[in-house]
Amino acid sequence: MKLYHYTKANRLHSIFTDGFIATEMKRTLNPAPKVTDYVWFTEKLQYPKTALPALSVFPETLLTVHLQTKNIHVDLGKIGAIFGNFYRFSFDSADARFKKWWHSEERKEAVLSDDWRRMESVANKVNDDVRTFWVATKDVQLTNFSLEVFENNSWNVVLNNVSLHNVSPETMKAIDELKVISKNLCYEFGLPVYEELEAA
């Protein structure tokens, strides 16, 4: 079974620069403490509503809207045309780096927190379904992964079964192009550029 880590185009630069998908607190600009610090995945083929960027110009990206009204369509293509495409990394669930969240010791600890129980309740109410969640407790190195982009109303393969430490020149060129696109989006929307933050 495939597991998906959904993300936005502006995030690709930091992911490919480091060579891994970081745990949620590593690159955060929000200093507020969180209950967890994992890399999150889902079995679902749809972009999780709890992972959508909250964009006021697109009310369908706001969790409050989904909590108030069921089955609102999120047009990833329309949003992506303005703010940059949506992507998803996929891995095999048999990979020992990943744990099914519902049965994990990590969840047993997290649900002791009222905040976390509320977060899981919200995820279920917007149909993200926490029973489909998986986690990695450490940064996920880019080995044995594929990458897809949402274009023309479907998920299309960009990189297939790749390990970053052993790629062809053609694949590296494609990755470098993705990094440029990602960095340019950061500049366009006034977002911090990861490697420049690291150098500061």
N, C-alpha and C. Protein backbone atom coordinates (compact mmCIF):
# COMPACT_ATOMS: atom_id res chain seq x y z
N MET A 1 0.84 -1.19 0.00
CA MET A 1 0.00 0.00 0.00
C MET A 1 0.89 1.25 0.00
N LYS A 2 0.41 2.28 -0.69
CA LYS A 2 1.16 3.53 -0.73
C LYS A 2 0.72 4.46 0.41
N LEU A 3 1.71 5.18 0.92
CA LEU A 3 1.46 6.24 1.88
C LEU A 3 1.85 7.56 1.24
N TYR A 4 1.06 8.61 1.51
CA TYR A 4 1.29 9.90 0.85
C TYR A 4 1.58 10.99 1.88
N HIS A 5 2.59 11.78 1.55
CA HIS A 5 2.87 13.01 2.29
C HIS A 5 2.56 14.16 1.34
N TYR A 6 1.48 14.88 1.63
CA TYR A 6 1.02 15.96 0.76
C TYR A 6 1.72 17.26 1.14
N THR A 7 2.04 18.05 0.12
CA THR A 7 2.75 19.30 0.38
C THR A 7 2.49 20.30 -0.73
N LYS A 8 3.06 21.49 -0.57
CA LYS A 8 2.87 22.58 -1.53
C LYS A 8 4.18 22.86 -2.26
N ALA A 9 4.07 23.47 -3.42
CA ALA A 9 5.25 23.71 -4.26
C ALA A 9 6.34 24.48 -3.54
N ASN A 10 5.96 25.45 -2.72
CA ASN A 10 6.98 26.26 -2.05
C ASN A 10 7.81 25.46 -1.05
N ARG A 11 7.34 24.28 -0.65
CA ARG A 11 8.07 23.44 0.30
C ARG A 11 9.13 22.57 -0.37
N LEU A 12 9.04 22.39 -1.68
CA LEU A 12 9.95 21.46 -2.35
C LEU A 12 11.41 21.89 -2.24
N HIS A 13 11.66 23.19 -2.24
CA HIS A 13 13.03 23.66 -2.19
C HIS A 13 13.73 23.18 -0.92
N SER A 14 13.10 23.35 0.23
CA SER A 14 13.73 22.93 1.48
C SER A 14 13.85 21.41 1.56
N ILE A 15 12.84 20.70 1.06
CA ILE A 15 12.89 19.23 1.11
C ILE A 15 14.04 18.68 0.27
N PHE A 16 14.16 19.17 -0.95
CA PHE A 16 15.22 18.65 -1.82
C PHE A 16 16.60 19.20 -1.44
N THR A 17 16.65 20.40 -0.86
CA THR A 17 17.93 20.94 -0.40
C THR A 17 18.51 20.07 0.71
N ASP A 18 17.65 19.70 1.66
CA ASP A 18 18.10 18.87 2.78
C ASP A 18 18.22 17.40 2.41
N GLY A 19 17.40 16.96 1.45
CA GLY A 19 17.39 15.54 1.10
C GLY A 19 16.47 14.72 1.98
N PHE A 20 15.58 15.40 2.71
CA PHE A 20 14.63 14.67 3.54
C PHE A 20 13.38 15.51 3.78
N ILE A 21 12.30 14.81 4.16
CA ILE A 21 11.08 15.47 4.64
C ILE A 21 11.24 15.60 6.14
N ALA A 22 11.23 16.82 6.64
CA ALA A 22 11.53 17.07 8.05
C ALA A 22 10.31 16.83 8.92
N THR A 23 10.58 16.50 10.19
CA THR A 23 9.49 16.43 11.15
C THR A 23 8.86 17.82 11.29
N GLU A 24 7.63 17.84 11.75
CA GLU A 24 6.81 19.05 11.64
C GLU A 24 7.36 20.27 12.37
N MET A 25 8.17 20.08 13.41
CA MET A 25 8.69 21.22 14.15
C MET A 25 10.02 21.74 13.62
N LYS A 26 10.67 20.99 12.75
CA LYS A 26 12.02 21.35 12.33
C LYS A 26 12.07 22.64 11.53
N ARG A 27 11.13 22.82 10.62
CA ARG A 27 11.17 24.00 9.76
C ARG A 27 10.03 24.97 10.05
N THR A 28 9.34 24.77 11.14
CA THR A 28 8.19 25.61 11.42
C THR A 28 8.62 27.05 11.74
N LEU A 29 7.78 27.99 11.33
CA LEU A 29 7.99 29.39 11.69
C LEU A 29 7.12 29.78 12.88
N ASN A 30 6.35 28.79 13.37
CA ASN A 30 5.46 29.02 14.51
C ASN A 30 6.13 28.47 15.78
N PRO A 31 6.58 29.34 16.67
CA PRO A 31 7.31 28.87 17.85
C PRO A 31 6.44 28.20 18.91
N ALA A 32 5.12 28.25 18.73
CA ALA A 32 4.23 27.66 19.73
C ALA A 32 4.48 26.15 19.84
N PRO A 33 4.53 25.62 21.05
CA PRO A 33 4.79 24.19 21.22
C PRO A 33 3.66 23.34 20.63
N LYS A 34 4.03 22.18 20.12
CA LYS A 34 3.05 21.24 19.59
C LYS A 34 3.11 19.95 20.38
N VAL A 35 2.03 19.19 20.32
CA VAL A 35 1.98 17.92 21.04
C VAL A 35 2.88 16.90 20.36
N THR A 36 3.00 16.98 19.03
CA THR A 36 3.76 15.98 18.28
C THR A 36 4.85 16.65 17.45
N ASP A 37 5.80 15.82 17.01
CA ASP A 37 6.86 16.29 16.12
C ASP A 37 7.24 15.14 15.20
N TYR A 38 6.37 14.84 14.25
CA TYR A 38 6.55 13.71 13.35
C TYR A 38 6.44 14.16 11.90
N VAL A 39 6.70 13.24 10.99
CA VAL A 39 6.35 13.44 9.58
C VAL A 39 5.06 12.66 9.37
N TRP A 40 4.08 13.33 8.81
CA TRP A 40 2.73 12.75 8.70
C TRP A 40 2.44 12.25 7.28
N PHE A 41 1.73 11.13 7.24
CA PHE A 41 1.32 10.50 5.98
C PHE A 41 -0.13 10.05 6.11
N THR A 42 -0.73 9.81 4.97
CA THR A 42 -2.08 9.25 4.95
C THR A 42 -2.20 8.23 3.84
N GLU A 43 -3.12 7.30 4.03
CA GLU A 43 -3.43 6.33 2.98
C GLU A 43 -4.36 6.94 1.93
N LYS A 44 -4.97 8.06 2.28
CA LYS A 44 -6.00 8.64 1.41
C LYS A 44 -5.42 9.24 0.14
N LEU A 45 -6.22 9.16 -0.91
CA LEU A 45 -5.81 9.68 -2.22
C LEU A 45 -6.16 11.16 -2.37
N GLN A 46 -6.85 11.74 -1.39
CA GLN A 46 -7.23 13.15 -1.45
C GLN A 46 -6.34 13.97 -0.51
N TYR A 47 -6.07 15.20 -0.93
CA TYR A 47 -5.29 16.12 -0.10
C TYR A 47 -6.02 16.34 1.22
N PRO A 48 -5.38 16.08 2.35
CA PRO A 48 -6.07 16.24 3.64
C PRO A 48 -6.49 17.69 3.89
N LYS A 49 -7.70 17.86 4.32
CA LYS A 49 -8.18 19.22 4.60
C LYS A 49 -7.40 19.85 5.75
N THR A 50 -6.94 19.04 6.69
CA THR A 50 -6.17 19.57 7.81
C THR A 50 -4.77 20.01 7.38
N ALA A 51 -4.35 19.69 6.16
CA ALA A 51 -3.03 20.10 5.66
C ALA A 51 -3.11 21.21 4.63
N LEU A 52 -4.33 21.65 4.30
CA LEU A 52 -4.47 22.71 3.31
C LEU A 52 -3.93 24.04 3.84
N PRO A 53 -3.34 24.85 2.96
CA PRO A 53 -2.95 26.20 3.39
C PRO A 53 -4.23 27.02 3.61
N ALA A 54 -4.30 27.75 4.69
CA ALA A 54 -5.49 28.56 4.97
C ALA A 54 -5.40 29.86 4.20
N LEU A 55 -6.15 29.94 3.10
CA LEU A 55 -6.11 31.11 2.21
C LEU A 55 -7.48 31.77 2.21
N SER A 56 -7.55 32.98 2.72
CA SER A 56 -8.85 33.64 2.87
C SER A 56 -9.57 33.85 1.54
N VAL A 57 -8.80 33.96 0.43
CA VAL A 57 -9.44 34.16 -0.87
C VAL A 57 -10.11 32.88 -1.36
N PHE A 58 -9.79 31.75 -0.76
CA PHE A 58 -10.42 30.47 -1.09
C PHE A 58 -11.02 29.90 0.19
N PRO A 59 -12.28 30.23 0.49
CA PRO A 59 -12.89 29.76 1.73
C PRO A 59 -12.85 28.25 1.91
N GLU A 60 -12.79 27.51 0.80
CA GLU A 60 -12.78 26.05 0.90
C GLU A 60 -11.48 25.50 1.48
N THR A 61 -10.48 26.37 1.69
CA THR A 61 -9.24 25.93 2.33
C THR A 61 -9.29 26.10 3.85
N LEU A 62 -10.36 26.70 4.37
CA LEU A 62 -10.46 26.99 5.79
C LEU A 62 -11.18 25.85 6.52
N LEU A 63 -10.57 25.34 7.57
CA LEU A 63 -11.17 24.24 8.33
C LEU A 63 -12.53 24.61 8.90
N THR A 64 -12.69 25.86 9.33
CA THR A 64 -13.97 26.27 9.91
C THR A 64 -15.11 26.09 8.91
N VAL A 65 -14.82 26.33 7.65
CA VAL A 65 -15.85 26.18 6.60
C VAL A 65 -16.23 24.70 6.47
N HIS A 66 -15.25 23.82 6.50
CA HIS A 66 -15.52 22.39 6.37
C HIS A 66 -16.22 21.83 7.60
N LEU A 67 -15.96 22.43 8.75
CA LEU A 67 -16.65 21.99 9.96
C LEU A 67 -18.12 22.41 9.94
N GLN A 68 -18.41 23.52 9.27
CA GLN A 68 -19.78 24.02 9.23
C GLN A 68 -20.61 23.38 8.12
N THR A 69 -19.94 23.02 7.01
CA THR A 69 -20.66 22.49 5.85
C THR A 69 -19.93 21.27 5.30
N LYS A 70 -20.64 20.17 5.12
CA LYS A 70 -20.03 18.93 4.66
C LYS A 70 -19.86 18.93 3.14
N ASN A 71 -18.89 18.15 2.69
CA ASN A 71 -18.68 17.83 1.28
C ASN A 71 -18.44 19.05 0.39
N ILE A 72 -17.69 20.01 0.90
CA ILE A 72 -17.30 21.15 0.07
C ILE A 72 -16.14 20.73 -0.82
N HIS A 73 -16.26 21.02 -2.10
CA HIS A 73 -15.20 20.66 -3.04
C HIS A 73 -14.02 21.63 -2.93
N VAL A 74 -12.81 21.08 -2.87
CA VAL A 74 -11.59 21.88 -2.88
C VAL A 74 -10.94 21.71 -4.24
N ASP A 75 -10.92 22.78 -5.01
CA ASP A 75 -10.36 22.73 -6.37
C ASP A 75 -8.86 23.01 -6.30
N LEU A 76 -8.08 21.94 -6.18
CA LEU A 76 -6.63 22.08 -6.06
C LEU A 76 -6.02 22.74 -7.29
N GLY A 77 -6.60 22.46 -8.45
CA GLY A 77 -6.08 23.06 -9.68
C GLY A 77 -6.24 24.56 -9.71
N LYS A 78 -7.40 25.05 -9.27
CA LYS A 78 -7.67 26.49 -9.25
C LYS A 78 -6.74 27.19 -8.25
N ILE A 79 -6.58 26.60 -7.07
CA ILE A 79 -5.71 27.19 -6.07
C ILE A 79 -4.25 27.13 -6.52
N GLY A 80 -3.87 25.98 -7.06
CA GLY A 80 -2.50 25.79 -7.52
C GLY A 80 -2.10 26.71 -8.65
N ALA A 81 -3.06 27.10 -9.47
CA ALA A 81 -2.77 28.00 -10.59
C ALA A 81 -2.31 29.36 -10.10
N ILE A 82 -2.69 29.73 -8.89
CA ILE A 82 -2.32 31.03 -8.33
C ILE A 82 -1.15 30.92 -7.35
N PHE A 83 -1.20 29.92 -6.48
CA PHE A 83 -0.23 29.84 -5.39
C PHE A 83 0.84 28.76 -5.59
N GLY A 84 0.80 28.07 -6.71
CA GLY A 84 1.77 27.00 -6.93
C GLY A 84 1.11 25.65 -6.76
N ASN A 85 1.53 24.71 -7.57
CA ASN A 85 0.89 23.39 -7.58
C ASN A 85 1.03 22.65 -6.25
N PHE A 86 0.15 21.69 -6.09
CA PHE A 86 0.21 20.79 -4.95
C PHE A 86 0.94 19.50 -5.37
N TYR A 87 1.70 18.95 -4.43
CA TYR A 87 2.49 17.75 -4.70
C TYR A 87 2.24 16.71 -3.61
N ARG A 88 2.60 15.47 -3.92
CA ARG A 88 2.60 14.44 -2.88
C ARG A 88 3.76 13.48 -3.11
N PHE A 89 4.48 13.20 -2.03
CA PHE A 89 5.50 12.17 -2.01
C PHE A 89 4.82 10.87 -1.62
N SER A 90 5.22 9.77 -2.24
CA SER A 90 4.65 8.49 -1.85
C SER A 90 5.76 7.50 -1.51
N PHE A 91 5.45 6.65 -0.53
CA PHE A 91 6.34 5.61 -0.05
C PHE A 91 5.53 4.34 0.15
N ASP A 92 6.22 3.23 0.31
CA ASP A 92 5.56 1.96 0.57
C ASP A 92 5.32 1.80 2.06
N SER A 93 4.12 1.37 2.43
CA SER A 93 3.79 1.22 3.86
C SER A 93 4.60 0.12 4.52
N ALA A 94 5.18 -0.79 3.72
CA ALA A 94 6.01 -1.85 4.30
C ALA A 94 7.37 -1.35 4.77
N ASP A 95 7.73 -0.14 4.39
CA ASP A 95 8.99 0.47 4.81
C ASP A 95 8.98 0.64 6.34
N ALA A 96 10.02 0.13 6.99
CA ALA A 96 10.08 0.12 8.45
C ALA A 96 10.13 1.52 9.06
N ARG A 97 10.35 2.55 8.26
CA ARG A 97 10.39 3.92 8.80
C ARG A 97 9.02 4.43 9.23
N PHE A 98 7.96 3.76 8.79
CA PHE A 98 6.61 4.28 8.99
C PHE A 98 5.80 3.43 9.95
N LYS A 99 4.97 4.10 10.75
CA LYS A 99 4.11 3.43 11.72
C LYS A 99 2.66 3.84 11.48
N LYS A 100 1.77 2.87 11.59
CA LYS A 100 0.34 3.18 11.56
C LYS A 100 0.00 3.96 12.82
N TRP A 101 -0.48 5.18 12.67
CA TRP A 101 -0.71 6.07 13.80
C TRP A 101 -1.69 5.49 14.81
N TRP A 102 -2.78 4.91 14.36
CA TRP A 102 -3.85 4.48 15.24
C TRP A 102 -3.38 3.46 16.27
N HIS A 103 -2.41 2.61 15.88
CA HIS A 103 -1.96 1.54 16.77
C HIS A 103 -0.64 1.86 17.46
N SER A 104 -0.12 3.06 17.29
CA SER A 104 1.24 3.38 17.74
C SER A 104 1.29 3.78 19.22
N GLU A 105 2.45 3.56 19.81
CA GLU A 105 2.71 4.05 21.17
C GLU A 105 2.68 5.57 21.20
N GLU A 106 3.10 6.18 20.10
CA GLU A 106 3.11 7.64 20.02
C GLU A 106 1.69 8.21 20.16
N ARG A 107 0.71 7.54 19.56
CA ARG A 107 -0.66 8.02 19.70
C ARG A 107 -1.16 7.84 21.12
N LYS A 108 -0.80 6.72 21.74
CA LYS A 108 -1.24 6.49 23.13
C LYS A 108 -0.79 7.63 24.03
N GLU A 109 0.38 8.16 23.76
CA GLU A 109 0.88 9.29 24.54
C GLU A 109 0.19 10.59 24.14
N ALA A 110 0.01 10.79 22.83
CA ALA A 110 -0.57 12.05 22.34
C ALA A 110 -2.00 12.25 22.83
N VAL A 111 -2.80 11.18 22.90
CA VAL A 111 -4.21 11.34 23.25
C VAL A 111 -4.41 11.65 24.73
N LEU A 112 -3.33 11.67 25.49
CA LEU A 112 -3.43 12.14 26.88
C LEU A 112 -3.65 13.66 26.92
N SER A 113 -3.37 14.32 25.80
CA SER A 113 -3.52 15.77 25.71
C SER A 113 -4.91 16.15 25.19
N ASP A 114 -5.57 17.07 25.89
CA ASP A 114 -6.86 17.56 25.43
C ASP A 114 -6.74 18.21 24.05
N ASP A 115 -5.65 18.96 23.84
CA ASP A 115 -5.44 19.61 22.56
C ASP A 115 -5.39 18.59 21.43
N TRP A 116 -4.67 17.51 21.68
CA TRP A 116 -4.56 16.51 20.61
C TRP A 116 -5.89 15.82 20.34
N ARG A 117 -6.64 15.51 21.36
CA ARG A 117 -7.94 14.87 21.16
C ARG A 117 -8.85 15.78 20.33
N ARG A 118 -8.77 17.10 20.58
CA ARG A 118 -9.56 18.04 19.78
C ARG A 118 -9.09 18.03 18.32
N MET A 119 -7.78 17.96 18.12
CA MET A 119 -7.25 17.95 16.75
C MET A 119 -7.71 16.70 16.00
N GLU A 120 -7.70 15.56 16.67
CA GLU A 120 -8.17 14.33 16.03
C GLU A 120 -9.66 14.42 15.73
N SER A 121 -10.40 15.02 16.64
CA SER A 121 -11.84 15.18 16.43
C SER A 121 -12.11 16.03 15.20
N VAL A 122 -11.37 17.12 15.04
CA VAL A 122 -11.52 17.98 13.86
C VAL A 122 -11.18 17.20 12.59
N ALA A 123 -10.07 16.46 12.61
CA ALA A 123 -9.67 15.69 11.44
C ALA A 123 -10.77 14.71 11.02
N ASN A 124 -11.38 14.06 11.98
CA ASN A 124 -12.45 13.12 11.65
C ASN A 124 -13.70 13.83 11.13
N LYS A 125 -14.01 14.99 11.71
CA LYS A 125 -15.20 15.72 11.28
C LYS A 125 -15.09 16.23 9.84
N VAL A 126 -13.86 16.53 9.40
CA VAL A 126 -13.69 17.00 8.02
C VAL A 126 -13.32 15.84 7.08
N ASN A 127 -13.47 14.61 7.59
CA ASN A 127 -13.31 13.39 6.79
C ASN A 127 -11.86 13.08 6.41
N ASP A 128 -10.90 13.56 7.20
CA ASP A 128 -9.51 13.15 6.98
C ASP A 128 -9.25 11.77 7.57
N ASP A 129 -9.99 11.39 8.60
CA ASP A 129 -9.98 10.05 9.19
C ASP A 129 -8.61 9.67 9.76
N VAL A 130 -8.45 9.87 11.06
CA VAL A 130 -7.16 9.61 11.71
C VAL A 130 -6.75 8.14 11.61
N ARG A 131 -7.70 7.24 11.34
CA ARG A 131 -7.34 5.83 11.19
C ARG A 131 -6.54 5.57 9.92
N THR A 132 -6.48 6.55 9.02
CA THR A 132 -5.67 6.40 7.80
C THR A 132 -4.31 7.06 7.93
N PHE A 133 -4.02 7.66 9.09
CA PHE A 133 -2.76 8.37 9.29
C PHE A 133 -1.62 7.41 9.61
N TRP A 134 -0.44 7.77 9.13
CA TRP A 134 0.80 7.10 9.48
C TRP A 134 1.81 8.17 9.88
N VAL A 135 2.84 7.77 10.61
CA VAL A 135 3.89 8.72 10.99
C VAL A 135 5.27 8.11 10.82
N ALA A 136 6.23 9.00 10.67
CA ALA A 136 7.63 8.66 10.85
C ALA A 136 8.11 9.53 12.00
N THR A 137 8.82 8.96 12.94
CA THR A 137 9.22 9.71 14.12
C THR A 137 10.50 10.51 13.89
N LYS A 138 11.18 10.25 12.77
CA LYS A 138 12.39 10.99 12.42
C LYS A 138 12.25 11.53 11.00
N ASP A 139 13.13 12.46 10.64
CA ASP A 139 13.16 12.97 9.26
C ASP A 139 13.18 11.79 8.29
N VAL A 140 12.44 11.93 7.20
CA VAL A 140 12.35 10.85 6.21
C VAL A 140 13.27 11.15 5.04
N GLN A 141 14.36 10.42 4.97
CA GLN A 141 15.30 10.58 3.87
C GLN A 141 14.61 10.23 2.55
N LEU A 142 15.03 10.91 1.49
CA LEU A 142 14.39 10.71 0.19
C LEU A 142 14.99 9.49 -0.51
N THR A 143 14.63 8.33 0.00
CA THR A 143 14.98 7.05 -0.61
C THR A 143 13.70 6.28 -0.90
N ASN A 144 13.70 5.61 -2.03
CA ASN A 144 12.56 4.78 -2.45
C ASN A 144 11.24 5.55 -2.39
N PHE A 145 11.22 6.69 -3.06
CA PHE A 145 10.02 7.53 -3.08
C PHE A 145 9.62 7.84 -4.51
N SER A 146 8.38 8.26 -4.65
CA SER A 146 7.89 8.83 -5.90
C SER A 146 7.29 10.20 -5.59
N LEU A 147 7.18 11.03 -6.61
CA LEU A 147 6.61 12.37 -6.45
C LEU A 147 5.59 12.59 -7.55
N GLU A 148 4.42 13.11 -7.15
CA GLU A 148 3.35 13.42 -8.10
C GLU A 148 2.94 14.88 -7.94
N VAL A 149 2.43 15.44 -9.02
CA VAL A 149 1.92 16.81 -9.01
C VAL A 149 0.46 16.78 -9.42
N PHE A 150 -0.35 17.67 -8.83
CA PHE A 150 -1.76 17.76 -9.22
C PHE A 150 -1.90 18.76 -10.35
N GLU A 151 -2.16 18.26 -11.55
CA GLU A 151 -2.34 19.08 -12.74
C GLU A 151 -3.44 18.46 -13.59
N ASN A 152 -4.21 19.32 -14.27
CA ASN A 152 -5.29 18.85 -15.14
C ASN A 152 -6.24 17.90 -14.41
N ASN A 153 -6.53 18.27 -13.17
CA ASN A 153 -7.50 17.54 -12.34
C ASN A 153 -7.12 16.11 -12.01
N SER A 154 -5.82 15.81 -12.01
CA SER A 154 -5.39 14.47 -11.62
C SER A 154 -3.96 14.52 -11.10
N TRP A 155 -3.58 13.48 -10.38
CA TRP A 155 -2.21 13.35 -9.88
C TRP A 155 -1.35 12.70 -10.96
N ASN A 156 -0.27 13.39 -11.32
CA ASN A 156 0.61 12.92 -12.39
C ASN A 156 2.03 12.72 -11.87
N VAL A 157 2.65 11.63 -12.29
CA VAL A 157 3.98 11.26 -11.80
C VAL A 157 5.03 12.23 -12.33
N VAL A 158 5.86 12.74 -11.42
CA VAL A 158 7.00 13.59 -11.76
C VAL A 158 8.29 12.79 -11.63
N LEU A 159 8.41 12.08 -10.51
CA LEU A 159 9.56 11.21 -10.24
C LEU A 159 9.02 9.87 -9.79
N ASN A 160 9.59 8.80 -10.32
CA ASN A 160 9.05 7.47 -10.01
C ASN A 160 10.14 6.57 -9.44
N ASN A 161 9.90 6.09 -8.22
CA ASN A 161 10.79 5.14 -7.55
C ASN A 161 12.25 5.62 -7.56
N VAL A 162 12.47 6.72 -6.88
CA VAL A 162 13.77 7.41 -6.88
C VAL A 162 14.39 7.36 -5.49
N SER A 163 15.72 7.30 -5.45
CA SER A 163 16.48 7.52 -4.22
C SER A 163 17.46 8.65 -4.50
N LEU A 164 17.43 9.67 -3.69
CA LEU A 164 18.16 10.90 -3.99
C LEU A 164 19.67 10.70 -4.05
N HIS A 165 20.17 9.71 -3.33
CA HIS A 165 21.62 9.50 -3.32
C HIS A 165 22.12 8.79 -4.58
N ASN A 166 21.21 8.37 -5.45
CA ASN A 166 21.61 7.60 -6.62
C ASN A 166 20.64 7.90 -7.77
N VAL A 167 20.78 9.09 -8.36
CA VAL A 167 19.86 9.48 -9.43
C VAL A 167 20.63 9.77 -10.71
N SER A 168 19.93 9.66 -11.81
CA SER A 168 20.53 9.94 -13.12
C SER A 168 20.65 11.45 -13.29
N PRO A 169 21.51 11.89 -14.22
CA PRO A 169 21.61 13.33 -14.50
C PRO A 169 20.26 13.94 -14.91
N GLU A 170 19.45 13.18 -15.65
CA GLU A 170 18.14 13.68 -16.08
C GLU A 170 17.22 13.91 -14.88
N THR A 171 17.25 12.96 -13.93
CA THR A 171 16.42 13.11 -12.73
C THR A 171 16.90 14.28 -11.88
N MET A 172 18.21 14.43 -11.75
CA MET A 172 18.74 15.55 -10.96
C MET A 172 18.38 16.88 -11.60
N LYS A 173 18.37 16.92 -12.92
CA LYS A 173 17.96 18.16 -13.61
C LYS A 173 16.51 18.49 -13.29
N ALA A 174 15.64 17.47 -13.29
CA ALA A 174 14.23 17.68 -12.97
C ALA A 174 14.07 18.18 -11.53
N ILE A 175 14.87 17.63 -10.61
CA ILE A 175 14.81 18.06 -9.21
C ILE A 175 15.29 19.50 -9.08
N ASP A 176 16.37 19.83 -9.76
CA ASP A 176 16.87 21.21 -9.72
C ASP A 176 15.84 22.20 -10.25
N GLU A 177 15.11 21.80 -11.29
CA GLU A 177 14.06 22.67 -11.83
C GLU A 177 12.94 22.87 -10.82
N LEU A 178 12.58 21.81 -10.10
CA LEU A 178 11.56 21.92 -9.06
C LEU A 178 12.01 22.87 -7.94
N LYS A 179 13.28 22.80 -7.58
CA LYS A 179 13.81 23.68 -6.54
C LYS A 179 13.75 25.15 -6.97
N VAL A 180 14.03 25.41 -8.23
CA VAL A 180 13.97 26.79 -8.74
C VAL A 180 12.53 27.30 -8.71
N ILE A 181 11.61 26.48 -9.17
CA ILE A 181 10.19 26.85 -9.14
C ILE A 181 9.76 27.16 -7.71
N SER A 182 10.16 26.29 -6.79
CA SER A 182 9.79 26.45 -5.39
C SER A 182 10.36 27.73 -4.80
N LYS A 183 11.63 27.99 -5.06
CA LYS A 183 12.27 29.19 -4.52
C LYS A 183 11.62 30.45 -5.08
N ASN A 184 11.31 30.44 -6.38
CA ASN A 184 10.68 31.60 -6.99
C ASN A 184 9.30 31.88 -6.39
N LEU A 185 8.57 30.82 -6.05
CA LEU A 185 7.27 31.01 -5.40
C LEU A 185 7.44 31.66 -4.04
N CYS A 186 8.47 31.25 -3.32
CA CYS A 186 8.74 31.87 -2.01
C CYS A 186 8.98 33.36 -2.16
N TYR A 187 9.79 33.73 -3.15
CA TYR A 187 10.06 35.15 -3.39
C TYR A 187 8.77 35.88 -3.79
N GLU A 188 7.99 35.26 -4.66
CA GLU A 188 6.79 35.90 -5.18
C GLU A 188 5.79 36.23 -4.08
N PHE A 189 5.66 35.33 -3.10
CA PHE A 189 4.65 35.51 -2.07
C PHE A 189 5.24 35.95 -0.73
N GLY A 190 6.51 36.37 -0.77
CA GLY A 190 7.12 36.89 0.45
C GLY A 190 7.32 35.86 1.53
N LEU A 191 7.53 34.62 1.13
CA LEU A 191 7.77 33.55 2.09
C LEU A 191 9.27 33.38 2.31
N PRO A 192 9.67 32.93 3.49
CA PRO A 192 11.10 32.74 3.72
C PRO A 192 11.68 31.63 2.85
N VAL A 193 12.89 31.85 2.37
CA VAL A 193 13.59 30.84 1.57
C VAL A 193 14.51 30.08 2.50
N TYR A 194 14.35 28.79 2.54
CA TYR A 194 14.98 27.96 3.55
C TYR A 194 16.49 28.10 3.61
N GLU A 195 17.18 27.99 2.47
CA GLU A 195 18.64 28.01 2.53
C GLU A 195 19.16 29.38 2.96
N GLU A 196 18.38 30.44 2.69
CA GLU A 196 18.78 31.76 3.13
C GLU A 196 18.58 31.93 4.64
N LEU A 197 17.54 31.27 5.18
CA LEU A 197 17.35 31.27 6.63
C LEU A 197 18.51 30.55 7.31
N GLU A 198 18.93 29.44 6.70
CA GLU A 198 20.01 28.65 7.28
C GLU A 198 21.33 29.44 7.30
N ALA A 199 21.53 30.28 6.29
CA ALA A 199 22.77 31.03 6.17
C ALA A 199 22.80 32.26 7.09
N ALA A 200 21.63 32.68 7.53
CA ALA A 200 21.53 33.90 8.35
C ALA A 200 22.15 33.71 9.74
